Amino acid sequence: MNPQSPCKVRNGSFVPHRARSTALTLTAATALLVSTGVAQATPVPASVDLAEAPNVDVTATEEITSELPPAVGGNASEDVLADAVVEGVLAEYGNDLSTLDDEDREVRVDIRETDGDAAFGVAIVTAAMNSEDSPYAWLFTAENEGEWTVGLEGTSEFSETIAGSELMDTEDREAIAASTDSEQVSPSQAVGVGLPFEIGTSMTMTTGPHGWSGYERPYSSVDFAGGNGTAHAARGGYAISLCSGWTRVLHTNGFATDYYHLEDYQWLEGDVGTGRYLGTQGNSLCAGGHTTGAHIHYTLRGYDDRETHWPVALHGRTLGGWTFAEGNAYGGYAYRNGTEVHPGGTMYNYGF
C-alpha cells in the first residue's frame, strides 16, 4: 500500500480562488530561491504573480480577508499573502509552478488565522490523483511589516513568528512553538510516541517501513489496517487537519505524526490528548496520490532534519513498544522481547 493522501476542505464559509488563465512569470526572487534551495524569511512585495497562477488555489474566510492589511493596486489581500506563501513553498519544494503544472500538481494556500499583522495556515503541494507521487504539506506563519515575510514549519522563522504573535489561543500558540523546537528532538531509540490506534488494542501492520513517497528514503512510514479500524493520536499535542482525511499532530517532544487516508474524519485545530479519535481507516485522497485498500498511513516527522521535508527514519526507533527495522521498501519488520512482526502480522500498541 503506497502512501499518499490529503485535500483542501474548510469548515464554515470560504472564499476559493478562481482558476485563471493568466500566464505565470516567476519573480527574480523566486527563481533565485528555487535554484539555491534557500527557503522562507524573504520579504515579498505586494504582487500576486504567483497567487494568480492557474494551479494555485487560495482559501480564506470572509472574516480573515477583512482583517488582512489592505493591498495596493486593487489586488485581493489574501492573494498578496498567498503570493508570499507560494514563494516560500516553491523554494522549499525546489520546483517552479510550471514544472508542478506539468506534473498535474497544484499549490493550495489555506489561510486559517490572522491578527492583521500576522497570519497562520496550511500550504499543500498536491499530487496527481491516482499517481505514484505524494503530496506535501507545511504549516506556515507570516508577518507583515509593510510586506509579508513567511516562515514554513520546521524553521526558526516559523516558531518565532508564532510565539511573538497574537494568533490563536495562547496555549495553542505556545504548544506549536515548543513542538517545533529542534532542540526538543531526542536522539534516543525511544521516540516517545505510540502507534496510530488505541493503546491496548491491535491492528495488522500491512506494510513495513517505507518512504513518504514510497521507495524514497528515509523510510519514515508504515501502514496499518484491521482491528476496530479507527485511528487515534499516538501522543497528545496540537492537532491540525491539513485537509479532509489528513491530520498532523505536533507533539511537545520535537516530533510530529501524520495520519492519512482517513474517513469518518474529525476536523481538528487545537490541543488533543493521547488516544484522541481522528477517523477511520480509509482511502481518502484529499491531496492526490493513490491507495490500494483502506488503511491508516502513519508517518513520523522530526524538526531536526529538513533535508527531505523532515520525515524521520523508523529504523532503530521504538514506537508503541516495538522497535522497527527496515529492509526493502514496504518490507522490514518490528521486534519486541524476541518477537518479530512482519508485514501482514498483528501488532499490539503498548503506548509509549
Protein backbone atom coordinates (compact mmCIF):
# COMPACT_ATOMS: atom_id res chain seq x y z
CA MET A 1 0.00 0.00 0.00
CA ASN A 2 1.56 3.19 -1.08
CA PRO A 3 1.21 6.37 1.00
CA GLN A 4 -0.49 9.46 -0.33
CA SER A 5 -3.47 11.45 0.81
CA PRO A 6 -4.90 14.96 1.50
CA CYS A 7 -7.35 17.57 0.15
CA LYS A 8 -8.43 21.13 0.92
CA VAL A 9 -11.64 21.28 2.91
CA ARG A 10 -12.71 24.04 5.28
CA ASN A 11 -15.40 24.24 7.91
CA GLY A 12 -17.63 27.26 7.54
CA SER A 13 -17.68 29.80 4.75
CA PHE A 14 -14.69 30.22 2.49
CA VAL A 15 -13.50 32.23 -0.47
CA PRO A 16 -11.97 29.87 -3.05
CA HIS A 17 -9.55 31.36 -5.53
CA ARG A 18 -10.98 31.15 -9.04
CA ALA A 19 -8.99 29.37 -11.72
CA ARG A 20 -7.30 31.80 -14.08
CA SER A 21 -5.61 31.53 -17.45
CA THR A 22 -3.09 34.24 -16.60
CA ALA A 23 0.40 33.33 -17.82
CA LEU A 24 2.86 32.86 -14.96
CA THR A 25 6.15 34.73 -14.76
CA LEU A 26 8.31 33.81 -11.78
CA THR A 27 9.83 36.74 -9.95
CA ALA A 28 13.59 37.01 -9.85
CA ALA A 29 13.47 36.36 -6.12
CA THR A 30 11.58 33.10 -6.65
CA ALA A 31 13.93 31.92 -9.36
CA LEU A 32 16.91 32.55 -7.08
CA LEU A 33 15.31 30.77 -4.14
CA VAL A 34 14.37 27.71 -6.19
CA SER A 35 17.81 27.45 -7.74
CA THR A 36 19.64 27.72 -4.41
CA GLY A 37 17.23 25.69 -2.26
CA VAL A 38 17.08 28.51 0.34
CA ALA A 39 13.61 28.87 1.85
CA GLN A 40 11.45 31.35 3.78
CA ALA A 41 12.19 34.63 5.51
CA THR A 42 12.37 36.60 2.27
CA PRO A 43 10.09 39.66 2.13
CA VAL A 44 7.78 39.59 -0.86
CA PRO A 45 6.38 42.76 -2.45
CA ALA A 46 2.63 43.37 -2.85
CA SER A 47 2.23 41.47 -6.09
CA VAL A 48 0.10 38.44 -6.95
CA ASP A 49 2.08 36.92 -9.81
CA LEU A 50 2.20 33.51 -8.13
CA ALA A 51 -1.22 33.60 -6.48
CA GLU A 52 -2.85 34.22 -9.87
CA ALA A 53 -1.34 31.12 -11.46
CA PRO A 54 -3.93 28.59 -12.68
CA ASN A 55 -2.52 25.83 -10.45
CA VAL A 56 -2.64 27.90 -7.25
CA ASP A 57 -5.74 27.81 -5.07
CA VAL A 58 -6.28 30.22 -2.15
CA THR A 59 -8.81 29.73 0.63
CA ALA A 60 -9.77 32.17 3.40
CA THR A 61 -12.93 33.01 5.33
CA GLU A 62 -14.58 36.37 4.78
CA GLU A 63 -13.63 37.33 8.35
CA ILE A 64 -9.96 36.67 7.64
CA THR A 65 -9.90 38.57 4.35
CA SER A 66 -11.48 41.59 6.07
CA GLU A 67 -8.76 41.62 8.74
CA LEU A 68 -5.74 41.30 6.43
CA PRO A 69 -3.83 44.51 5.63
CA PRO A 70 -5.30 46.23 2.56
CA ALA A 71 -3.33 45.64 -0.63
CA VAL A 72 -2.35 48.27 -3.18
CA GLY A 73 -3.20 48.24 -6.86
CA GLY A 74 -6.59 46.60 -6.43
CA ASN A 75 -5.12 43.20 -5.51
CA ALA A 76 -7.03 40.98 -3.10
CA SER A 77 -5.41 40.99 0.35
CA GLU A 78 -5.47 37.20 0.60
CA ASP A 79 -3.76 36.93 -2.80
CA VAL A 80 -0.88 39.16 -1.69
CA LEU A 81 -0.32 36.95 1.36
CA ALA A 82 -0.70 33.79 -0.72
CA ASP A 83 1.89 35.08 -3.18
CA ALA A 84 4.46 35.22 -0.37
CA VAL A 85 3.48 31.77 0.90
CA VAL A 86 3.77 30.20 -2.56
CA GLU A 87 7.18 31.83 -2.96
CA GLY A 88 8.40 30.11 0.20
CA VAL A 89 6.82 26.78 -0.71
CA LEU A 90 8.45 26.73 -4.15
CA ALA A 91 11.83 27.45 -2.60
CA GLU A 92 11.39 24.68 -0.04
CA TYR A 93 9.98 22.17 -2.51
CA GLY A 94 12.60 23.01 -5.14
CA ASN A 95 10.45 23.43 -8.25
CA ASP A 96 8.61 26.19 -10.07
CA LEU A 97 4.88 26.33 -10.78
CA SER A 98 5.23 25.47 -14.44
CA THR A 99 7.05 22.24 -13.56
CA LEU A 100 4.38 21.42 -10.98
CA ASP A 101 1.71 22.09 -13.58
CA ASP A 102 3.39 19.64 -15.96
CA GLU A 103 3.15 17.05 -13.15
CA ASP A 104 -0.53 17.86 -12.58
CA ARG A 105 0.28 19.31 -9.16
CA GLU A 106 -1.12 22.46 -7.59
CA VAL A 107 -0.28 24.61 -4.59
CA ARG A 108 -3.06 25.18 -2.07
CA VAL A 109 -2.83 28.01 0.44
CA ASP A 110 -5.38 27.81 3.25
CA ILE A 111 -5.22 30.90 5.49
CA ARG A 112 -6.58 29.83 8.88
CA GLU A 113 -5.81 32.67 11.32
CA THR A 114 -4.82 36.33 11.29
CA ASP A 115 -4.48 39.18 13.76
CA GLY A 116 -3.94 41.67 10.96
CA ASP A 117 -0.15 41.83 11.28
CA ALA A 118 0.46 38.08 11.33
CA ALA A 119 -1.15 35.04 9.74
CA PHE A 120 -1.15 31.27 10.12
CA GLY A 121 -2.28 28.49 7.81
CA VAL A 122 -1.58 25.39 5.76
CA ALA A 123 0.19 25.11 2.40
CA ILE A 124 -0.03 21.91 0.34
CA VAL A 125 1.67 20.79 -2.84
CA THR A 126 -0.77 18.22 -4.16
CA ALA A 127 0.00 15.06 -6.11
CA ALA A 128 -1.77 13.95 -9.26
CA MET A 129 -4.79 11.80 -8.45
CA ASN A 130 -4.11 8.04 -8.64
CA SER A 131 -0.42 8.65 -9.29
CA GLU A 132 2.63 7.21 -7.52
CA ASP A 133 3.54 10.72 -6.35
CA SER A 134 2.92 12.02 -2.83
CA PRO A 135 1.58 15.38 -1.64
CA TYR A 136 3.49 17.59 0.78
CA ALA A 137 2.18 19.97 3.44
CA TRP A 138 3.58 22.64 5.72
CA LEU A 139 2.09 24.86 8.37
CA PHE A 140 3.10 28.46 7.73
CA THR A 141 3.32 31.71 9.61
CA ALA A 142 3.61 35.14 8.04
CA GLU A 143 4.42 38.57 9.45
CA ASN A 144 3.54 41.86 7.80
CA GLU A 145 5.74 44.93 8.23
CA GLY A 146 4.75 46.65 5.02
CA GLU A 147 5.17 43.36 3.17
CA TRP A 148 4.78 39.71 4.10
CA THR A 149 7.67 37.60 5.41
CA VAL A 150 6.87 33.88 5.55
CA GLY A 151 8.23 31.06 7.72
CA LEU A 152 7.45 27.43 6.93
CA GLU A 153 7.06 24.71 9.55
CA GLY A 154 10.41 23.45 10.76
CA THR A 155 12.23 26.80 10.54
CA SER A 156 13.15 29.25 13.28
CA GLU A 157 11.09 31.91 11.48
CA PHE A 158 8.00 29.76 11.88
CA SER A 159 8.39 29.21 15.62
CA GLU A 160 9.47 32.79 16.35
CA THR A 161 6.57 34.36 14.44
CA ILE A 162 4.03 32.11 16.17
CA ALA A 163 5.49 32.76 19.62
CA GLY A 164 5.57 36.55 19.15
CA SER A 165 2.13 36.99 17.60
CA GLU A 166 -1.44 37.38 18.84
CA LEU A 167 -2.56 34.42 16.74
CA MET A 168 -4.95 31.77 18.19
CA ASP A 169 -5.17 30.95 21.88
CA THR A 170 -2.04 31.45 23.95
CA GLU A 171 -1.97 27.76 24.91
CA ASP A 172 -2.14 26.61 21.28
CA ARG A 173 0.41 29.19 20.17
CA GLU A 174 2.90 28.17 22.84
CA ALA A 175 2.34 24.47 22.13
CA ILE A 176 3.10 24.90 18.42
CA ALA A 177 6.23 26.96 19.11
CA ALA A 178 7.53 24.42 21.64
CA SER A 179 6.65 21.40 19.50
CA THR A 180 8.63 22.66 16.51
CA ASP A 181 11.77 23.45 18.52
CA SER A 182 14.54 21.27 17.08
CA GLU A 183 16.31 21.18 20.45
CA GLN A 184 13.44 19.06 21.82
CA VAL A 185 14.11 16.13 19.46
CA SER A 186 15.58 13.22 21.37
CA PRO A 187 18.35 11.16 19.75
CA SER A 188 17.38 8.16 21.88
CA GLN A 189 15.89 4.98 20.47
CA ALA A 190 12.55 5.51 22.24
CA VAL A 191 10.73 8.24 20.33
CA GLY A 192 8.07 8.89 22.96
CA VAL A 193 5.07 8.31 20.70
CA GLY A 194 2.92 5.23 20.25
CA LEU A 195 1.10 3.73 17.29
CA PRO A 196 -1.87 5.24 15.42
CA PHE A 197 -4.56 3.18 17.14
CA GLU A 198 -5.81 2.81 20.69
CA ILE A 199 -3.38 1.72 23.39
CA GLY A 200 -4.12 -1.84 24.44
CA THR A 201 -5.53 -2.86 21.05
CA SER A 202 -4.06 -4.47 17.93
CA MET A 203 -4.02 -3.84 14.19
CA THR A 204 -2.34 -5.52 11.25
CA MET A 205 0.91 -3.96 10.05
CA THR A 206 0.09 -4.27 6.36
CA THR A 207 3.43 -2.87 5.17
CA GLY A 208 6.78 -2.36 6.81
CA PRO A 209 8.84 0.85 6.84
CA HIS A 210 8.82 2.77 3.55
CA GLY A 211 9.33 6.31 2.36
CA TRP A 212 6.88 9.18 2.33
CA SER A 213 6.96 8.78 -1.43
CA GLY A 214 7.04 5.01 -1.35
CA TYR A 215 10.57 3.97 -2.26
CA GLU A 216 12.19 7.30 -1.37
CA ARG A 217 14.31 7.37 1.79
CA PRO A 218 14.11 7.91 4.67
CA TYR A 219 11.69 5.08 5.44
CA SER A 220 9.50 7.08 7.79
CA SER A 221 6.11 5.50 7.20
CA VAL A 222 4.21 2.30 7.95
CA ASP A 223 0.63 1.21 7.16
CA PHE A 224 -1.97 -0.33 9.48
CA ALA A 225 -5.40 -1.86 8.88
CA GLY A 226 -7.91 -4.18 10.55
CA GLY A 227 -8.62 -4.23 14.27
CA ASN A 228 -11.51 -1.89 15.01
CA GLY A 229 -10.39 0.24 12.05
CA THR A 230 -10.09 3.52 13.91
CA ALA A 231 -7.18 5.99 14.02
CA HIS A 232 -6.13 7.65 17.28
CA ALA A 233 -3.45 10.17 18.25
CA ALA A 234 -0.25 8.33 19.13
CA ARG A 235 0.55 11.01 21.72
CA GLY A 236 -1.10 14.25 22.79
CA GLY A 237 -0.25 17.58 21.20
CA TYR A 238 -1.53 20.21 18.83
CA ALA A 239 -3.64 18.54 16.13
CA ILE A 240 -4.41 20.23 12.83
CA SER A 241 -6.42 18.99 9.89
CA LEU A 242 -4.41 19.57 6.74
CA CYS A 243 -7.36 18.53 4.59
CA SER A 244 -10.31 16.15 4.91
CA GLY A 245 -8.55 12.86 5.60
CA TRP A 246 -5.09 14.08 6.62
CA THR A 247 -4.26 15.03 10.23
CA ARG A 248 -0.94 16.14 11.71
CA VAL A 249 -0.29 16.11 15.46
CA LEU A 250 2.65 18.19 16.73
CA HIS A 251 3.99 16.66 19.94
CA THR A 252 5.86 18.54 22.65
CA ASN A 253 8.95 16.32 22.28
CA GLY A 254 10.01 17.75 18.90
CA PHE A 255 8.29 15.09 16.79
CA ALA A 256 5.08 15.13 14.78
CA THR A 257 2.95 12.30 13.45
CA ASP A 258 0.82 12.26 10.30
CA TYR A 259 -2.31 10.14 9.71
CA TYR A 260 -3.56 9.68 6.14
CA HIS A 261 -6.43 8.27 4.10
CA LEU A 262 -8.86 8.75 6.99
CA GLU A 263 -12.62 8.61 6.58
CA ASP A 264 -15.40 9.49 9.06
CA TYR A 265 -12.98 12.36 9.50
CA GLN A 266 -12.73 14.62 12.57
CA TRP A 267 -11.79 18.21 11.68
CA LEU A 268 -9.34 19.36 14.35
CA GLU A 269 -7.43 22.54 15.17
CA GLY A 270 -6.22 22.55 18.74
CA ASP A 271 -4.93 20.51 21.65
CA VAL A 272 -5.74 16.79 21.80
CA GLY A 273 -4.88 14.10 24.30
CA THR A 274 -3.21 10.75 23.71
CA GLY A 275 -5.67 8.39 22.03
CA ARG A 276 -7.92 11.11 20.60
CA TYR A 277 -10.17 9.68 17.89
CA LEU A 278 -9.15 11.02 14.46
CA GLY A 279 -11.19 8.98 11.98
CA THR A 280 -11.35 5.51 10.47
CA GLN A 281 -9.02 3.69 8.12
CA GLY A 282 -9.93 4.58 4.56
CA ASN A 283 -8.96 5.58 1.03
CA SER A 284 -9.16 9.38 1.26
CA LEU A 285 -7.09 11.15 -1.40
CA CYS A 286 -7.75 14.74 -0.42
CA ALA A 287 -4.46 15.94 -1.93
CA GLY A 288 -3.88 13.28 -4.56
CA GLY A 289 -1.82 10.13 -4.77
CA HIS A 290 -3.41 6.69 -4.52
CA THR A 291 -4.26 3.79 -2.23
CA THR A 292 -4.69 0.08 -2.82
CA GLY A 293 -7.06 -0.58 0.08
CA ALA A 294 -8.40 1.07 3.22
CA HIS A 295 -5.67 1.71 5.80
CA ILE A 296 -4.04 4.26 8.08
CA HIS A 297 -0.86 5.67 6.59
CA TYR A 298 1.28 6.64 9.59
CA THR A 299 4.40 8.81 9.33
CA LEU A 300 6.95 10.06 11.86
CA ARG A 301 8.37 13.55 11.42
CA GLY A 302 11.03 15.43 13.39
CA TYR A 303 12.12 19.05 13.41
CA ASP A 304 15.89 18.49 13.34
CA ASP A 305 16.09 17.08 9.80
CA ARG A 306 14.60 19.09 6.95
CA GLU A 307 16.60 17.69 4.05
CA THR A 308 13.64 15.62 2.87
CA HIS A 309 10.74 17.68 4.28
CA TRP A 310 11.71 16.31 7.72
CA PRO A 311 10.37 12.75 7.75
CA VAL A 312 12.38 10.61 10.20
CA ALA A 313 13.60 7.08 9.50
CA LEU A 314 11.82 4.49 11.67
CA HIS A 315 14.81 2.13 11.59
CA GLY A 316 16.11 1.54 15.11
CA ARG A 317 13.39 3.66 16.71
CA THR A 318 10.83 2.40 19.21
CA LEU A 319 7.17 3.39 18.84
CA GLY A 320 4.31 1.74 20.70
CA GLY A 321 6.77 -0.60 22.41
CA TRP A 322 8.10 -2.00 19.10
CA THR A 323 11.47 -1.26 17.51
CA PHE A 324 11.38 -1.02 13.74
CA ALA A 325 13.93 -2.49 11.35
CA GLU A 326 13.87 -1.60 7.68
CA GLY A 327 14.53 -3.90 4.75
CA ASN A 328 13.43 -3.22 1.21
CA ALA A 329 10.73 -0.56 0.96
CA TYR A 330 7.45 -1.92 2.40
CA GLY A 331 9.40 -4.86 3.85
CA GLY A 332 11.29 -4.91 7.11
CA TYR A 333 9.70 -5.74 10.45
CA ALA A 334 9.26 -4.67 14.08
CA TYR A 335 10.52 -6.53 17.14
CA ARG A 336 9.97 -6.65 20.90
CA ASN A 337 11.40 -9.02 23.53
CA GLY A 338 12.39 -11.60 20.92
CA THR A 339 9.10 -11.42 18.99
CA GLU A 340 9.08 -10.16 15.40
CA VAL A 341 6.13 -8.80 13.44
CA HIS A 342 6.46 -8.79 9.66
CA PRO A 343 4.06 -7.25 7.09
CA GLY A 344 0.72 -8.99 7.45
CA GLY A 345 1.30 -9.66 11.16
CA THR A 346 -0.62 -8.31 14.13
CA MET A 347 0.91 -5.58 16.30
CA TYR A 348 -0.23 -4.63 19.82
CA ASN A 349 0.04 -0.99 20.90
CA TYR A 350 1.85 -0.77 24.27
CA GLY A 351 1.77 3.04 24.30
CA PHE A 352 4.96 4.99 24.97
